[in-house]
Structures are given as structure tokens and as C-alpha cells.
Amino acid sequence: MTRHVERDLPKLVGSLTLMLPGLVIRFGIQAFWFKHKAYRAARIFRRELSRQGLDSTITQRLTDSYLEGSDPFKLLRALR
């Protein structure tokens, strides 16, 4: 059984190497889509805050803190 596993290891490494570019591209597309949705939500958030009568500087700070949590690369760094 050990010999069978040793022969499968290069196949496993090779298949992972072939899959890696596709996974990176998928992650990039998903990160871009996530960021796009976050910016749309931030525009709505900012509009609703200003509609409720908050000052523009406070609205901008709250919106920036809202967007800060939607960076997928910061989320990955936090998981390390």
C-alpha cells in the first residue's frame, strides 16, 4: 500500500499545480465581485445616513469603517 501512495504523490502534486492558476483566478474574480457589492452597499449606507440628517464628515467616517471590513485580502490576513 505504501508503494501505491508514493506513486500517487507526484500525480497529486501535478494536479494541484495545474489547478492552482484556476483557483487564483476564481479567487480574484470573487474578491472583485465581493468588493463591488460592498461599494454598492456603502453608497446606499451613505445615502441613508445623509437622509437621516447626519453630518457629511461623520457619514464619510462611518462609511469608511463600513468598507474597511469588506476587504477580502485583509480578511485573509486576519485568518493567518
N, C-alpha and C. Protein backbone atom coordinates (compact mmCIF):
# COMPACT_ATOMS: atom_id res chain seq x y z
N MET A 1 0.82 -1.20 0.00
CA MET A 1 0.00 0.00 0.00
C MET A 1 0.86 1.26 0.00
N THR A 2 2.00 1.21 0.65
CA THR A 2 2.87 2.37 0.71
C THR A 2 3.39 2.73 -0.67
N ARG A 3 3.72 1.73 -1.48
CA ARG A 3 4.21 1.99 -2.83
C ARG A 3 3.13 2.64 -3.68
N HIS A 4 1.89 2.25 -3.49
CA HIS A 4 0.79 2.84 -4.25
C HIS A 4 0.63 4.33 -3.91
N VAL A 5 0.77 4.66 -2.65
CA VAL A 5 0.66 6.05 -2.21
C VAL A 5 1.83 6.86 -2.75
N GLU A 6 3.01 6.30 -2.76
CA GLU A 6 4.18 7.01 -3.26
C GLU A 6 4.05 7.30 -4.75
N ARG A 7 3.42 6.41 -5.50
CA ARG A 7 3.23 6.65 -6.92
C ARG A 7 2.15 7.70 -7.15
N ASP A 8 1.19 7.80 -6.27
CA ASP A 8 0.12 8.78 -6.42
C ASP A 8 0.53 10.19 -5.99
N LEU A 9 1.58 10.30 -5.20
CA LEU A 9 2.01 11.62 -4.73
C LEU A 9 2.41 12.55 -5.88
N PRO A 10 3.21 12.11 -6.84
CA PRO A 10 3.51 13.02 -7.96
C PRO A 10 2.27 13.41 -8.77
N LYS A 11 1.34 12.48 -8.90
CA LYS A 11 0.08 12.81 -9.59
C LYS A 11 -0.69 13.86 -8.83
N LEU A 12 -0.71 13.72 -7.52
CA LEU A 12 -1.42 14.68 -6.67
C LEU A 12 -0.78 16.06 -6.77
N VAL A 13 0.54 16.11 -6.67
CA VAL A 13 1.24 17.39 -6.77
C VAL A 13 1.04 18.00 -8.15
N GLY A 14 1.09 17.18 -9.18
CA GLY A 14 0.89 17.68 -10.54
C GLY A 14 -0.51 18.22 -10.75
N SER A 15 -1.50 17.53 -10.24
CA SER A 15 -2.88 18.01 -10.41
C SER A 15 -3.12 19.28 -9.61
N LEU A 16 -2.52 19.39 -8.42
CA LEU A 16 -2.65 20.63 -7.64
C LEU A 16 -1.96 21.79 -8.34
N THR A 17 -0.83 21.51 -8.97
CA THR A 17 -0.12 22.55 -9.71
C THR A 17 -0.93 23.04 -10.89
N LEU A 18 -1.63 22.12 -11.54
CA LEU A 18 -2.47 22.51 -12.67
C LEU A 18 -3.72 23.27 -12.22
N MET A 19 -4.21 22.96 -11.04
CA MET A 19 -5.43 23.62 -10.55
C MET A 19 -5.16 25.00 -9.95
N LEU A 20 -3.94 25.26 -9.53
CA LEU A 20 -3.62 26.50 -8.82
C LEU A 20 -3.94 27.77 -9.61
N PRO A 21 -3.57 27.89 -10.89
CA PRO A 21 -3.92 29.13 -11.61
C PRO A 21 -5.43 29.36 -11.70
N GLY A 22 -6.18 28.30 -11.89
CA GLY A 22 -7.63 28.45 -11.94
C GLY A 22 -8.20 28.91 -10.61
N LEU A 23 -7.65 28.38 -9.52
CA LEU A 23 -8.12 28.78 -8.20
C LEU A 23 -7.78 30.24 -7.91
N VAL A 24 -6.60 30.67 -8.33
CA VAL A 24 -6.20 32.06 -8.13
C VAL A 24 -7.10 33.00 -8.93
N ILE A 25 -7.39 32.61 -10.16
CA ILE A 25 -8.27 33.44 -11.00
C ILE A 25 -9.67 33.50 -10.40
N ARG A 26 -10.18 32.37 -9.95
CA ARG A 26 -11.51 32.35 -9.32
C ARG A 26 -11.54 33.22 -8.07
N PHE A 27 -10.50 33.12 -7.26
CA PHE A 27 -10.45 33.95 -6.05
C PHE A 27 -10.42 35.43 -6.41
N GLY A 28 -9.65 35.78 -7.44
CA GLY A 28 -9.59 37.17 -7.87
C GLY A 28 -10.92 37.69 -8.34
N ILE A 29 -11.63 36.88 -9.10
CA ILE A 29 -12.96 37.28 -9.58
C ILE A 29 -13.93 37.43 -8.42
N GLN A 30 -13.90 36.47 -7.49
CA GLN A 30 -14.80 36.54 -6.35
C GLN A 30 -14.46 37.73 -5.45
N ALA A 31 -13.17 38.02 -5.28
CA ALA A 31 -12.77 39.16 -4.47
C ALA A 31 -13.25 40.47 -5.11
N PHE A 32 -13.10 40.56 -6.44
CA PHE A 32 -13.58 41.75 -7.14
C PHE A 32 -15.09 41.89 -7.00
N TRP A 33 -15.83 40.79 -7.15
CA TRP A 33 -17.29 40.83 -7.03
C TRP A 33 -17.72 41.21 -5.62
N PHE A 34 -17.02 40.67 -4.61
CA PHE A 34 -17.30 40.99 -3.21
C PHE A 34 -17.07 42.47 -2.95
N LYS A 35 -15.97 42.99 -3.48
CA LYS A 35 -15.65 44.41 -3.31
C LYS A 35 -16.68 45.29 -4.00
N HIS A 36 -17.12 44.88 -5.18
CA HIS A 36 -18.12 45.64 -5.92
C HIS A 36 -19.44 45.71 -5.14
N LYS A 37 -19.86 44.60 -4.59
CA LYS A 37 -21.09 44.59 -3.79
C LYS A 37 -20.94 45.45 -2.54
N ALA A 38 -19.75 45.43 -1.95
CA ALA A 38 -19.51 46.23 -0.75
C ALA A 38 -19.59 47.72 -1.08
N TYR A 39 -19.04 48.13 -2.22
CA TYR A 39 -19.11 49.55 -2.59
C TYR A 39 -20.55 49.97 -2.89
N ARG A 40 -21.32 49.09 -3.51
CA ARG A 40 -22.73 49.42 -3.75
C ARG A 40 -23.47 49.56 -2.42
N ALA A 41 -23.20 48.66 -1.49
CA ALA A 41 -23.84 48.74 -0.18
C ALA A 41 -23.40 50.00 0.57
N ALA A 42 -22.14 50.39 0.40
CA ALA A 42 -21.64 51.59 1.08
C ALA A 42 -22.31 52.85 0.53
N ARG A 43 -22.57 52.87 -0.77
CA ARG A 43 -23.27 54.02 -1.34
C ARG A 43 -24.68 54.13 -0.76
N ILE A 44 -25.35 53.02 -0.63
CA ILE A 44 -26.70 53.02 -0.04
C ILE A 44 -26.62 53.43 1.43
N PHE A 45 -25.62 52.89 2.13
CA PHE A 45 -25.42 53.22 3.54
C PHE A 45 -25.18 54.72 3.71
N ARG A 46 -24.31 55.29 2.88
CA ARG A 46 -24.02 56.72 2.94
C ARG A 46 -25.26 57.55 2.64
N ARG A 47 -26.00 57.14 1.63
CA ARG A 47 -27.21 57.88 1.26
C ARG A 47 -28.23 57.86 2.39
N GLU A 48 -28.40 56.70 3.03
CA GLU A 48 -29.37 56.61 4.12
C GLU A 48 -28.93 57.42 5.34
N LEU A 49 -27.63 57.42 5.62
CA LEU A 49 -27.15 58.23 6.75
C LEU A 49 -27.36 59.71 6.50
N SER A 50 -27.07 60.15 5.28
CA SER A 50 -27.27 61.57 4.99
C SER A 50 -28.75 61.91 4.93
N ARG A 51 -29.57 60.97 4.53
CA ARG A 51 -31.02 61.19 4.51
C ARG A 51 -31.56 61.36 5.92
N GLN A 52 -30.92 60.69 6.88
CA GLN A 52 -31.35 60.81 8.27
C GLN A 52 -30.81 62.07 8.95
N GLY A 53 -29.98 62.83 8.23
CA GLY A 53 -29.55 64.12 8.74
C GLY A 53 -28.19 64.14 9.41
N LEU A 54 -27.36 63.12 9.22
CA LEU A 54 -26.03 63.13 9.81
C LEU A 54 -25.10 64.04 9.02
N ASP A 55 -24.10 64.56 9.70
CA ASP A 55 -23.10 65.43 9.08
C ASP A 55 -22.29 64.63 8.05
N SER A 56 -21.81 65.31 7.02
CA SER A 56 -21.11 64.62 5.94
C SER A 56 -19.78 64.01 6.39
N THR A 57 -19.08 64.65 7.35
CA THR A 57 -17.81 64.08 7.83
C THR A 57 -18.06 62.80 8.64
N ILE A 58 -19.09 62.81 9.46
CA ILE A 58 -19.44 61.63 10.24
C ILE A 58 -19.91 60.52 9.30
N THR A 59 -20.69 60.89 8.31
CA THR A 59 -21.17 59.92 7.33
C THR A 59 -19.99 59.28 6.58
N GLN A 60 -19.02 60.09 6.21
CA GLN A 60 -17.85 59.57 5.49
C GLN A 60 -17.03 58.64 6.38
N ARG A 61 -16.85 59.01 7.64
CA ARG A 61 -16.09 58.15 8.55
C ARG A 61 -16.79 56.82 8.79
N LEU A 62 -18.11 56.89 8.98
CA LEU A 62 -18.85 55.64 9.18
C LEU A 62 -18.82 54.76 7.94
N THR A 63 -18.91 55.37 6.78
CA THR A 63 -18.86 54.62 5.53
C THR A 63 -17.48 53.99 5.34
N ASP A 64 -16.43 54.73 5.67
CA ASP A 64 -15.07 54.18 5.56
C ASP A 64 -14.87 52.99 6.50
N SER A 65 -15.39 53.09 7.71
CA SER A 65 -15.26 51.97 8.64
C SER A 65 -16.12 50.79 8.18
N TYR A 66 -17.23 51.07 7.52
CA TYR A 66 -18.07 50.02 6.96
C TYR A 66 -17.33 49.29 5.84
N LEU A 67 -16.65 50.05 4.99
CA LEU A 67 -15.92 49.44 3.87
C LEU A 67 -14.64 48.74 4.32
N GLU A 68 -14.10 49.15 5.44
CA GLU A 68 -12.86 48.55 5.92
C GLU A 68 -13.01 47.06 6.18
N GLY A 69 -14.17 46.65 6.61
CA GLY A 69 -14.40 45.24 6.89
C GLY A 69 -14.69 44.40 5.66
N SER A 70 -14.77 45.02 4.51
CA SER A 70 -15.12 44.27 3.31
C SER A 70 -13.95 44.04 2.37
N ASP A 71 -12.74 44.16 2.86
CA ASP A 71 -11.57 43.90 2.03
C ASP A 71 -11.20 42.43 2.16
N PRO A 72 -11.34 41.64 1.10
CA PRO A 72 -11.08 40.20 1.22
C PRO A 72 -9.63 39.87 1.55
N PHE A 73 -8.69 40.72 1.15
CA PHE A 73 -7.29 40.45 1.45
C PHE A 73 -6.99 40.71 2.92
N LYS A 74 -7.65 41.70 3.51
CA LYS A 74 -7.50 41.93 4.95
C LYS A 74 -8.12 40.77 5.74
N LEU A 75 -9.23 40.25 5.23
CA LEU A 75 -9.85 39.10 5.89
C LEU A 75 -8.93 37.88 5.85
N LEU A 76 -8.25 37.67 4.73
CA LEU A 76 -7.31 36.55 4.64
C LEU A 76 -6.12 36.76 5.58
N ARG A 77 -5.63 37.99 5.70
CA ARG A 77 -4.53 38.26 6.61
C ARG A 77 -4.95 38.01 8.05
N ALA A 78 -6.19 38.30 8.38
CA ALA A 78 -6.68 38.08 9.73
C ALA A 78 -6.80 36.59 10.05
N LEU A 79 -7.02 35.78 9.03
CA LEU A 79 -7.14 34.34 9.25
C LEU A 79 -5.80 33.65 9.46
N ARG A 80 -4.72 34.31 9.11
CA ARG A 80 -3.40 33.68 9.27
C ARG A 80 -3.06 33.44 10.68
